[in-house]
Protein backbone atom coordinates (compact mmCIF):
# COMPACT_ATOMS: atom_id res chain seq x y z
CA MET A 1 -12.83 1.13 7.96
CA GLU A 2 -11.22 1.94 11.29
CA LYS A 3 -12.97 1.23 14.56
CA GLN A 4 -15.19 4.30 14.41
CA ARG A 5 -15.34 7.30 12.11
CA THR A 6 -16.99 10.60 12.87
CA GLY A 7 -18.48 13.35 10.77
CA VAL A 8 -20.50 16.51 11.15
CA GLY A 9 -23.52 17.57 9.14
CA ARG A 10 -25.18 20.96 9.18
CA ARG A 11 -28.42 22.18 7.65
CA LYS A 12 -29.94 25.54 8.54
CA GLU A 13 -29.93 25.62 12.37
CA ALA A 14 -29.55 21.85 12.78
CA VAL A 15 -26.19 20.28 13.61
CA THR A 16 -25.52 16.55 13.81
CA ARG A 17 -22.47 14.60 14.92
CA VAL A 18 -22.37 11.19 13.27
CA PHE A 19 -20.45 8.15 14.51
CA VAL A 20 -20.18 5.20 12.10
CA SER A 21 -18.74 1.78 12.93
CA LYS A 22 -18.99 -1.72 11.48
CA GLY A 23 -22.16 -3.45 12.56
CA ASP A 24 -25.52 -4.78 11.45
CA GLY A 25 -27.35 -1.62 10.41
CA LYS A 26 -28.57 -0.17 13.70
CA ILE A 27 -29.23 3.58 13.43
CA THR A 28 -29.89 5.66 16.54
CA VAL A 29 -30.59 9.36 16.95
CA ASN A 30 -30.17 10.85 20.43
CA ASP A 31 -30.29 7.32 21.92
CA LYS A 32 -33.60 6.47 20.18
CA ASP A 33 -34.16 4.30 17.12
CA TYR A 34 -34.23 6.59 14.09
CA LYS A 35 -37.67 5.30 13.05
CA GLN A 36 -39.02 6.36 16.43
CA TYR A 37 -37.20 9.73 16.40
CA PHE A 38 -38.14 10.57 12.79
CA SER A 39 -41.75 9.39 12.63
CA LEU A 40 -42.26 10.51 9.01
CA VAL A 41 -41.14 7.98 6.41
CA TYR A 42 -39.58 10.53 4.08
CA LEU A 43 -37.32 11.73 6.91
CA GLN A 44 -36.30 8.13 7.63
CA ASN A 45 -35.47 7.73 3.94
CA GLN A 46 -33.30 10.87 4.09
CA VAL A 47 -31.23 9.34 6.87
CA GLU A 48 -30.89 6.02 5.00
CA ARG A 49 -30.09 7.53 1.59
CA PRO A 50 -26.25 7.68 1.77
CA MET A 51 -26.01 4.04 2.87
CA ARG A 52 -28.58 2.85 0.33
CA THR A 53 -26.59 4.58 -2.40
CA ILE A 54 -23.55 2.39 -1.74
CA ASP A 55 -25.54 -0.72 -0.69
CA ALA A 56 -24.21 -0.55 2.88
CA LEU A 57 -27.44 -0.23 4.86
CA ASN A 58 -26.84 -3.42 6.86
CA LYS A 59 -23.05 -3.12 7.12
CA PHE A 60 -22.63 -0.19 9.51
CA ASP A 61 -24.04 0.98 12.82
CA VAL A 62 -24.72 4.71 12.96
CA LYS A 63 -25.09 6.81 16.09
CA ILE A 64 -26.30 10.37 15.55
CA SER A 65 -26.32 13.24 18.03
CA ALA A 66 -28.71 15.91 16.71
CA THR A 67 -29.28 19.42 18.08
CA GLY A 68 -31.05 22.55 16.91
CA GLY A 69 -33.49 23.15 14.11
CA GLY A 70 -36.50 21.01 13.31
CA PHE A 71 -36.83 17.38 12.39
CA LYS A 72 -36.43 17.98 8.66
CA GLY A 73 -33.25 20.00 9.15
CA GLN A 74 -31.88 17.37 11.51
CA ALA A 75 -32.64 14.56 9.03
CA GLU A 76 -30.91 16.43 6.21
CA ALA A 77 -27.94 17.27 8.44
CA ALA A 78 -27.71 13.59 9.43
CA MET A 79 -27.75 12.61 5.76
CA LEU A 80 -24.86 14.97 5.05
CA GLY A 81 -22.89 13.79 8.08
CA ILE A 82 -23.27 10.12 7.11
CA ALA A 83 -22.26 10.87 3.52
CA ARG A 84 -19.14 12.68 4.70
CA VAL A 85 -18.11 9.72 6.85
CA LEU A 86 -18.62 7.21 4.05
CA VAL A 87 -16.56 9.14 1.48
């Protein structure tokens, strides 16, 4: 993988820009840890799902910029954005 790859995810009114680079598995959303930003476990699992699918959860750092919509829409948009980057 290059230095950093970017992708965009959209769901309903939510839009996320996703930046993925090699690292140790740190995921941030709007400069907060994703577990703090998405307090519900099922939303955290949505964000992790693309990386768990390819066993890469601890191989990449992910920075997400999320706007619009609610937390569920943002989590699903982030999931799509991460999946697009990893393909």
